[in-house]
Amino acid sequence: MIKCIILEDDELAAKSLERIISKIDSLDLLGQYVNPIEAKKKVDFSEIDLIFLDIEMPEITGLDFIKTLSNPPRVIVTTSRSDFALGAFEINAVDFILKPVELPNILKGLEKYEALEQGSSEEVLDHEAESIFVKVDSKLVNLKFNDILWLEALGDYVGFHINEKRYVVKSTLSSIEKRLHKKNFVRVHRSFMINTNHIKNIDDSSLIIGDKLIPISRGSRAELMNRLNLLK
C-alpha cells in the first residue's frame, strides 16, 4: 500500500480527491490537511510515501512547504494554474495535475510513482516520450530527443548540444544518463554522452558527430558497439 496524505486548502477539491483515492486499492489515505504545520507533523512522525500537494495556500506555498521537510516523500502536485509547472519541476514532483483532478490523471501519476520506486525511470520519463523538459535559467525548455547531438559534463552542469546551440542545465551526466537510457543515447566517456543517430564515423578511440571529435573510453566501447545497428 502507498501511504499518502492530501495537503489542500480548498475543501471541495480535497473532498473530490478523497473520493478518487478511495477508489484506488493501492492507496492508503492517512489524512487530509489544510494546515501545512499539521501536515508537517504527520510527515515528520509517520511513514508517508506520497503527498498530493496543492501549491496555492494562504500561509505558505506548497513548494515552500516541501522545502521545510528534511526527508520529503514523493509529491504529486495538484493545482489550477499551469504556470506552476516550473515550481513542480524544482521539487522533483512525480507528476503535475491540473484541476479539476480526475481518476485517469491520478492513475497516470501513480504509474510514474511506481516507475520511480522500481528505479526504472528515476526522473519520470515516459518511455514513449519524444522530448525532455530541462530547466535553463528561469525557463523550461522542451528538447526533442532526435535533435540532441551530444551531452557534455561541465562540472555541476551538463551541456545539451543541438545544432549550433548549447543548453546548459544544472545536473550531472550520471543523472541525465538515467533519464535518457535506451533512447539511442550512450555514455561513451565520463564527460560525454552521445546520440547514436548522429554519429558520422567511429574509429578505435573516438567518433565524430557534426564537426565534433568525441573521445571513446576503453570501457565504453563495447557498450557503444552493442547499441549500434551494425551490418555484418
C-alpha atoms as a PDB file:
ATOM      1  CA  MET A   1       0.000   0.000   0.000  1.00  0.00           C
ATOM      2  CA  ILE A   2       1.116   3.532  -0.791  1.00  0.00           C
ATOM      3  CA  LYS A   3       0.643   5.643   2.338  1.00  0.00           C
ATOM      4  CA  CYS A   4      -0.428   9.111   1.306  1.00  0.00           C
ATOM      5  CA  ILE A   5      -1.816  12.398   2.589  1.00  0.00           C
ATOM      6  CA  ILE A   6      -3.542  15.362   0.971  1.00  0.00           C
ATOM      7  CA  LEU A   7      -2.450  18.949   1.630  1.00  0.00           C
ATOM      8  CA  GLU A   8      -5.150  21.126   0.109  1.00  0.00           C
ATOM      9  CA  ASP A   9      -6.849  24.272   1.425  1.00  0.00           C
ATOM     10  CA  ASP A  10      -9.820  24.060  -0.961  1.00  0.00           C
ATOM     11  CA  GLU A  11     -12.425  21.887   0.761  1.00  0.00           C
ATOM     12  CA  LEU A  12     -14.259  20.913  -2.429  1.00  0.00           C
ATOM     13  CA  ALA A  13     -11.027  19.992  -4.208  1.00  0.00           C
ATOM     14  CA  ALA A  14      -9.892  17.977  -1.180  1.00  0.00           C
ATOM     15  CA  LYS A  15     -13.181  16.059  -0.965  1.00  0.00           C
ATOM     16  CA  SER A  16     -13.074  15.314  -4.682  1.00  0.00           C
ATOM     17  CA  LEU A  17      -9.534  13.992  -4.371  1.00  0.00           C
ATOM     18  CA  GLU A  18     -10.505  11.901  -1.344  1.00  0.00           C
ATOM     19  CA  ARG A  19     -13.298  10.257  -3.355  1.00  0.00           C
ATOM     20  CA  ILE A  20     -10.888   9.410  -6.155  1.00  0.00           C
ATOM     21  CA  ILE A  21      -8.293   7.988  -3.770  1.00  0.00           C
ATOM     22  CA  SER A  22     -10.946   5.819  -2.095  1.00  0.00           C
ATOM     23  CA  LYS A  23     -11.448   4.041  -5.426  1.00  0.00           C
ATOM     24  CA  ILE A  24      -7.778   3.048  -5.735  1.00  0.00           C
ATOM     25  CA  ASP A  25      -6.874  -0.078  -3.778  1.00  0.00           C
ATOM     26  CA  SER A  26      -3.146   0.632  -3.745  1.00  0.00           C
ATOM     27  CA  LEU A  27      -3.577   3.953  -1.909  1.00  0.00           C
ATOM     28  CA  ASP A  28      -3.949   4.250   1.862  1.00  0.00           C
ATOM     29  CA  LEU A  29      -5.038   7.800   2.731  1.00  0.00           C
ATOM     30  CA  LEU A  30      -3.741   8.693   6.199  1.00  0.00           C
ATOM     31  CA  GLY A  31      -5.103  12.203   6.370  1.00  0.00           C
ATOM     32  CA  GLN A  32      -6.296  15.337   4.631  1.00  0.00           C
ATOM     33  CA  TYR A  33      -4.756  18.608   5.822  1.00  0.00           C
ATOM     34  CA  VAL A  34      -5.493  22.279   5.343  1.00  0.00           C
ATOM     35  CA  ASN A  35      -2.774  23.455   7.732  1.00  0.00           C
ATOM     36  CA  PRO A  36       0.802  22.864   6.495  1.00  0.00           C
ATOM     37  CA  ILE A  37       2.091  22.778  10.096  1.00  0.00           C
ATOM     38  CA  GLU A  38      -0.157  19.834  10.931  1.00  0.00           C
ATOM     39  CA  ALA A  39       0.800  18.142   7.678  1.00  0.00           C
ATOM     40  CA  LYS A  40       4.488  18.577   8.536  1.00  0.00           C
ATOM     41  CA  LYS A  41       3.970  16.875  11.907  1.00  0.00           C
ATOM     42  CA  LYS A  42       2.337  13.941  10.151  1.00  0.00           C
ATOM     43  CA  VAL A  43       5.166  13.630   7.641  1.00  0.00           C
ATOM     44  CA  ASP A  44       7.878  14.004  10.295  1.00  0.00           C
ATOM     45  CA  PHE A  45       6.453  11.346  12.604  1.00  0.00           C
ATOM     46  CA  SER A  46       4.860   8.884  10.180  1.00  0.00           C
ATOM     47  CA  GLU A  47       5.983   6.876   7.190  1.00  0.00           C
ATOM     48  CA  ILE A  48       4.402   8.787   4.329  1.00  0.00           C
ATOM     49  CA  ASP A  49       5.166   7.671   0.777  1.00  0.00           C
ATOM     50  CA  LEU A  50       3.297  10.276  -1.237  1.00  0.00           C
ATOM     51  CA  ILE A  51       1.760  13.739  -0.824  1.00  0.00           C
ATOM     52  CA  PHE A  52      -0.975  15.116  -3.050  1.00  0.00           C
ATOM     53  CA  LEU A  53       0.021  18.754  -2.827  1.00  0.00           C
ATOM     54  CA  ASP A  54      -1.755  21.983  -3.674  1.00  0.00           C
ATOM     55  CA  ILE A  55       0.574  24.895  -4.339  1.00  0.00           C
ATOM     56  CA  GLU A  56      -1.558  27.951  -3.592  1.00  0.00           C
ATOM     57  CA  MET A  57      -2.214  28.143   0.144  1.00  0.00           C
ATOM     58  CA  PRO A  58      -2.626  31.225   2.361  1.00  0.00           C
ATOM     59  CA  GLU A  59       0.199  30.795   4.901  1.00  0.00           C
ATOM     60  CA  ILE A  60       2.878  29.019   2.864  1.00  0.00           C
ATOM     61  CA  THR A  61       3.056  27.735  -0.685  1.00  0.00           C
ATOM     62  CA  GLY A  62       3.146  24.007  -1.282  1.00  0.00           C
ATOM     63  CA  LEU A  63       6.591  24.407  -2.812  1.00  0.00           C
ATOM     64  CA  ASP A  64       7.963  26.139   0.283  1.00  0.00           C
ATOM     65  CA  PHE A  65       6.292  23.506   2.456  1.00  0.00           C
ATOM     66  CA  ILE A  66       8.202  20.711   0.714  1.00  0.00           C
ATOM     67  CA  LYS A  67      11.451  22.607   1.234  1.00  0.00           C
ATOM     68  CA  THR A  68      10.861  22.580   5.009  1.00  0.00           C
ATOM     69  CA  LEU A  69      10.946  18.771   5.093  1.00  0.00           C
ATOM     70  CA  SER A  70      14.263  17.110   5.865  1.00  0.00           C
ATOM     71  CA  ASN A  71      13.301  13.926   4.026  1.00  0.00           C
ATOM     72  CA  PRO A  72      10.314  14.750   1.819  1.00  0.00           C
ATOM     73  CA  PRO A  73       8.122  11.990   0.400  1.00  0.00           C
ATOM     74  CA  ARG A  74       7.346  11.889  -3.286  1.00  0.00           C
ATOM     75  CA  VAL A  75       4.893  14.533  -4.451  1.00  0.00           C
ATOM     76  CA  ILE A  76       2.077  14.763  -6.973  1.00  0.00           C
ATOM     77  CA  VAL A  77       1.189  18.416  -7.479  1.00  0.00           C
ATOM     78  CA  THR A  78      -2.480  19.324  -7.990  1.00  0.00           C
ATOM     79  CA  THR A  79      -3.175  22.914  -8.967  1.00  0.00           C
ATOM     80  CA  SER A  80      -5.446  25.094 -11.056  1.00  0.00           C
ATOM     81  CA  ARG A  81      -2.526  27.068 -12.524  1.00  0.00           C
ATOM     82  CA  SER A  82      -0.384  25.761 -15.364  1.00  0.00           C
ATOM     83  CA  ASP A  83       2.308  28.376 -14.676  1.00  0.00           C
ATOM     84  CA  PHE A  84       3.319  26.444 -11.548  1.00  0.00           C
ATOM     85  CA  ALA A  85       4.884  23.711 -13.696  1.00  0.00           C
ATOM     86  CA  LEU A  86       8.361  25.158 -13.157  1.00  0.00           C
ATOM     87  CA  GLY A  87       7.916  25.053  -9.391  1.00  0.00           C
ATOM     88  CA  ALA A  88       6.828  21.418  -9.586  1.00  0.00           C
ATOM     89  CA  PHE A  89       9.946  20.705 -11.620  1.00  0.00           C
ATOM     90  CA  GLU A  90      12.120  22.320  -8.946  1.00  0.00           C
ATOM     91  CA  ILE A  91      10.847  19.994  -6.200  1.00  0.00           C
ATOM     92  CA  ASN A  92      11.127  16.912  -8.445  1.00  0.00           C
ATOM     93  CA  ALA A  93       7.390  16.273  -8.394  1.00  0.00           C
ATOM     94  CA  VAL A  94       6.314  12.878  -9.672  1.00  0.00           C
ATOM     95  CA  ASP A  95       3.522  14.473 -11.671  1.00  0.00           C
ATOM     96  CA  PHE A  96       1.802  17.804 -12.259  1.00  0.00           C
ATOM     97  CA  ILE A  97      -2.003  17.598 -12.478  1.00  0.00           C
ATOM     98  CA  LEU A  98      -4.270  20.493 -13.351  1.00  0.00           C
ATOM     99  CA  LYS A  99      -7.590  20.773 -11.536  1.00  0.00           C
ATOM    100  CA  PRO A 100     -10.244  19.528 -11.727  1.00  0.00           C
ATOM    101  CA  VAL A 101      -8.459  16.297 -10.861  1.00  0.00           C
ATOM    102  CA  GLU A 102      -9.946  13.138 -12.344  1.00  0.00           C
ATOM    103  CA  LEU A 103      -9.319   9.437 -11.785  1.00  0.00           C
ATOM    104  CA  PRO A 104      -7.291   8.864 -15.008  1.00  0.00           C
ATOM    105  CA  ASN A 105      -4.930  11.707 -14.005  1.00  0.00           C
ATOM    106  CA  ILE A 106      -4.243  10.100 -10.640  1.00  0.00           C
ATOM    107  CA  LEU A 107      -3.758   6.641 -12.157  1.00  0.00           C
ATOM    108  CA  LYS A 108      -1.216   8.023 -14.603  1.00  0.00           C
ATOM    109  CA  GLY A 109       0.597   9.785 -11.767  1.00  0.00           C
ATOM    110  CA  LEU A 110       0.704   6.536  -9.795  1.00  0.00           C
ATOM    111  CA  GLU A 111       2.247   4.738 -12.761  1.00  0.00           C
ATOM    112  CA  LYS A 112       5.039   7.297 -12.688  1.00  0.00           C
ATOM    113  CA  TYR A 113       5.368   6.926  -8.922  1.00  0.00           C
ATOM    114  CA  GLU A 114       5.702   3.147  -9.230  1.00  0.00           C
ATOM    115  CA  ALA A 115       8.267   3.514 -12.007  1.00  0.00           C
ATOM    116  CA  LEU A 116      10.312   5.743  -9.723  1.00  0.00           C
ATOM    117  CA  GLU A 117      10.073   3.286  -6.852  1.00  0.00           C
ATOM    118  CA  GLN A 118      11.219   0.464  -9.094  1.00  0.00           C
ATOM    119  CA  GLY A 119      14.127   2.562 -10.293  1.00  0.00           C
ATOM    120  CA  SER A 120      13.152   2.191 -13.937  1.00  0.00           C
ATOM    121  CA  SER A 121      12.542   5.869 -14.590  1.00  0.00           C
ATOM    122  CA  GLU A 122      14.208   7.922 -11.886  1.00  0.00           C
ATOM    123  CA  GLU A 123      13.267  11.299 -13.349  1.00  0.00           C
ATOM    124  CA  VAL A 124       9.864  10.225 -14.502  1.00  0.00           C
ATOM    125  CA  LEU A 125      10.275   9.979 -18.205  1.00  0.00           C
ATOM    126  CA  ASP A 126       7.560   8.255 -20.173  1.00  0.00           C
ATOM    127  CA  HIS A 127       9.210   5.512 -22.284  1.00  0.00           C
ATOM    128  CA  GLU A 128       7.173   6.723 -25.260  1.00  0.00           C
ATOM    129  CA  ALA A 129       8.053  10.378 -24.759  1.00  0.00           C
ATOM    130  CA  GLU A 130       9.789  12.106 -27.648  1.00  0.00           C
ATOM    131  CA  SER A 131      11.269  15.012 -25.721  1.00  0.00           C
ATOM    132  CA  ILE A 132      12.547  16.141 -22.355  1.00  0.00           C
ATOM    133  CA  PHE A 133      11.943  19.386 -20.471  1.00  0.00           C
ATOM    134  CA  VAL A 134      15.067  20.915 -18.954  1.00  0.00           C
ATOM    135  CA  LYS A 135      15.380  23.967 -16.761  1.00  0.00           C
ATOM    136  CA  VAL A 136      17.538  26.653 -18.372  1.00  0.00           C
ATOM    137  CA  ASP A 137      17.872  29.816 -16.280  1.00  0.00           C
ATOM    138  CA  SER A 138      14.259  30.554 -15.263  1.00  0.00           C
ATOM    139  CA  LYS A 139      12.548  28.708 -18.111  1.00  0.00           C
ATOM    140  CA  LEU A 140      11.601  25.148 -19.005  1.00  0.00           C
ATOM    141  CA  VAL A 141      12.862  24.292 -22.486  1.00  0.00           C
ATOM    142  CA  ASN A 142      11.455  21.360 -24.459  1.00  0.00           C
ATOM    143  CA  LEU A 143      14.265  19.439 -26.188  1.00  0.00           C
ATOM    144  CA  LYS A 144      13.365  16.744 -28.710  1.00  0.00           C
ATOM    145  CA  PHE A 145      15.431  13.585 -28.278  1.00  0.00           C
ATOM    146  CA  ASN A 146      16.120  13.323 -32.006  1.00  0.00           C
ATOM    147  CA  ASP A 147      17.576  16.846 -32.070  1.00  0.00           C
ATOM    148  CA  ILE A 148      20.108  16.272 -29.282  1.00  0.00           C
ATOM    149  CA  LEU A 149      23.539  15.567 -30.794  1.00  0.00           C
ATOM    150  CA  TRP A 150      25.597  15.011 -27.675  1.00  0.00           C
ATOM    151  CA  LEU A 151      25.814  15.945 -23.995  1.00  0.00           C
ATOM    152  CA  GLU A 152      28.900  17.125 -22.159  1.00  0.00           C
ATOM    153  CA  ALA A 153      29.700  17.181 -18.437  1.00  0.00           C
ATOM    154  CA  LEU A 154      30.603  20.679 -17.242  1.00  0.00           C
ATOM    155  CA  GLY A 155      31.322  20.279 -13.544  1.00  0.00           C
ATOM    156  CA  ASP A 156      27.970  20.633 -11.752  1.00  0.00           C
ATOM    157  CA  TYR A 157      26.265  21.285 -15.089  1.00  0.00           C
ATOM    158  CA  VAL A 158      25.509  19.430 -18.314  1.00  0.00           C
ATOM    159  CA  GLY A 159      25.577  20.940 -21.800  1.00  0.00           C
ATOM    160  CA  PHE A 160      22.980  19.722 -24.316  1.00  0.00           C
ATOM    161  CA  HIS A 161      24.279  20.300 -27.855  1.00  0.00           C
ATOM    162  CA  ILE A 162      21.615  20.834 -30.521  1.00  0.00           C
ATOM    163  CA  ASN A 163      22.869  22.027 -33.907  1.00  0.00           C
ATOM    164  CA  GLU A 164      24.618  25.336 -33.220  1.00  0.00           C
ATOM    165  CA  LYS A 165      23.082  25.810 -29.773  1.00  0.00           C
ATOM    166  CA  ARG A 166      24.133  24.630 -26.331  1.00  0.00           C
ATOM    167  CA  TYR A 167      21.686  24.481 -23.412  1.00  0.00           C
ATOM    168  CA  VAL A 168      23.390  24.352 -20.015  1.00  0.00           C
ATOM    169  CA  VAL A 169      21.453  22.625 -17.236  1.00  0.00           C
ATOM    170  CA  LYS A 170      22.337  22.240 -13.556  1.00  0.00           C
ATOM    171  CA  SER A 171      22.623  18.459 -13.258  1.00  0.00           C
ATOM    172  CA  THR A 172      25.120  15.638 -13.607  1.00  0.00           C
ATOM    173  CA  LEU A 173      25.741  13.448 -16.614  1.00  0.00           C
ATOM    174  CA  SER A 174      25.054  10.363 -14.487  1.00  0.00           C
ATOM    175  CA  SER A 175      21.611  11.689 -13.583  1.00  0.00           C
ATOM    176  CA  ILE A 176      20.826  12.595 -17.190  1.00  0.00           C
ATOM    177  CA  GLU A 177      22.048   9.172 -18.315  1.00  0.00           C
ATOM    178  CA  LYS A 178      19.290   7.509 -16.294  1.00  0.00           C
ATOM    179  CA  ARG A 179      16.712   9.745 -17.929  1.00  0.00           C
ATOM    180  CA  LEU A 180      17.877   9.005 -21.470  1.00  0.00           C
ATOM    181  CA  HIS A 181      18.682   5.316 -21.068  1.00  0.00           C
ATOM    182  CA  LYS A 182      17.575   3.178 -24.051  1.00  0.00           C
ATOM    183  CA  LYS A 183      16.702   6.213 -26.167  1.00  0.00           C
ATOM    184  CA  ASN A 184      19.643   5.934 -28.597  1.00  0.00           C
ATOM    185  CA  PHE A 185      21.911   7.675 -26.088  1.00  0.00           C
ATOM    186  CA  VAL A 186      25.136   6.032 -24.948  1.00  0.00           C
ATOM    187  CA  ARG A 187      27.705   7.196 -22.396  1.00  0.00           C
ATOM    188  CA  VAL A 188      30.990   6.917 -24.300  1.00  0.00           C
ATOM    189  CA  HIS A 189      33.248   8.743 -21.855  1.00  0.00           C
ATOM    190  CA  ARG A 190      33.000  10.110 -18.321  1.00  0.00           C
ATOM    191  CA  SER A 191      32.452  13.545 -19.870  1.00  0.00           C
ATOM    192  CA  PHE A 192      30.351  12.677 -22.924  1.00  0.00           C
ATOM    193  CA  MET A 193      27.067  11.036 -23.844  1.00  0.00           C
ATOM    194  CA  ILE A 194      26.052  10.803 -27.491  1.00  0.00           C
ATOM    195  CA  ASN A 195      23.005  10.223 -29.678  1.00  0.00           C
ATOM    196  CA  THR A 196      23.880   7.247 -31.888  1.00  0.00           C
ATOM    197  CA  ASN A 197      21.588   8.542 -34.646  1.00  0.00           C
ATOM    198  CA  HIS A 198      24.004  11.408 -35.326  1.00  0.00           C
ATOM    199  CA  ILE A 199      27.319   9.515 -35.492  1.00  0.00           C
ATOM    200  CA  LYS A 200      29.199  10.146 -38.750  1.00  0.00           C
ATOM    201  CA  ASN A 201      32.028   7.697 -38.188  1.00  0.00           C
ATOM    202  CA  ILE A 202      33.896   5.810 -35.477  1.00  0.00           C
ATOM    203  CA  ASP A 203      37.470   4.665 -35.032  1.00  0.00           C
ATOM    204  CA  ASP A 204      39.158   2.824 -32.172  1.00  0.00           C
ATOM    205  CA  SER A 205      39.231   5.713 -29.723  1.00  0.00           C
ATOM    206  CA  SER A 206      36.860   8.415 -30.960  1.00  0.00           C
ATOM    207  CA  LEU A 207      33.796   9.248 -33.017  1.00  0.00           C
ATOM    208  CA  ILE A 208      32.557  12.252 -34.936  1.00  0.00           C
ATOM    209  CA  ILE A 209      29.187  13.966 -34.626  1.00  0.00           C
ATOM    210  CA  GLY A 210      28.854  17.021 -36.826  1.00  0.00           C
ATOM    211  CA  ASP A 211      32.298  18.614 -36.623  1.00  0.00           C
ATOM    212  CA  LYS A 212      32.900  17.440 -33.058  1.00  0.00           C
ATOM    213  CA  LEU A 213      35.515  14.806 -32.277  1.00  0.00           C
ATOM    214  CA  ILE A 214      34.375  12.935 -29.163  1.00  0.00           C
ATOM    215  CA  PRO A 215      36.626  10.511 -27.268  1.00  0.00           C
ATOM    216  CA  ILE A 216      35.520   6.941 -26.532  1.00  0.00           C
ATOM    217  CA  SER A 217      36.827   5.454 -23.300  1.00  0.00           C
ATOM    218  CA  ARG A 218      38.144   1.904 -23.415  1.00  0.00           C
ATOM    219  CA  GLY A 219      35.433   0.660 -21.052  1.00  0.00           C
ATOM    220  CA  SER A 220      32.601   2.268 -23.031  1.00  0.00           C
ATOM    221  CA  ARG A 221      33.448   0.984 -26.490  1.00  0.00           C
ATOM    222  CA  ALA A 222      31.819  -2.454 -26.063  1.00  0.00           C
ATOM    223  CA  GLU A 223      28.532  -0.922 -24.878  1.00  0.00           C
ATOM    224  CA  LEU A 224      28.566   1.507 -27.795  1.00  0.00           C
ATOM    225  CA  MET A 225      29.115  -1.254 -30.347  1.00  0.00           C
ATOM    226  CA  ASN A 226      26.343  -3.338 -28.778  1.00  0.00           C
ATOM    227  CA  ARG A 227      23.907  -0.451 -29.157  1.00  0.00           C
ATOM    228  CA  LEU A 228      24.681   0.242 -32.811  1.00  0.00           C
ATOM    229  CA  ASN A 229      22.750  -1.302 -35.679  1.00  0.00           C
ATOM    230  CA  LEU A 230      25.726  -2.967 -37.367  1.00  0.00           C
ATOM    231  CA  LEU A 231      25.536  -4.600 -40.797  1.00  0.00           C
ATOM    232  CA  LYS A 232      27.589  -7.788 -40.603  1.00  0.00           C
END
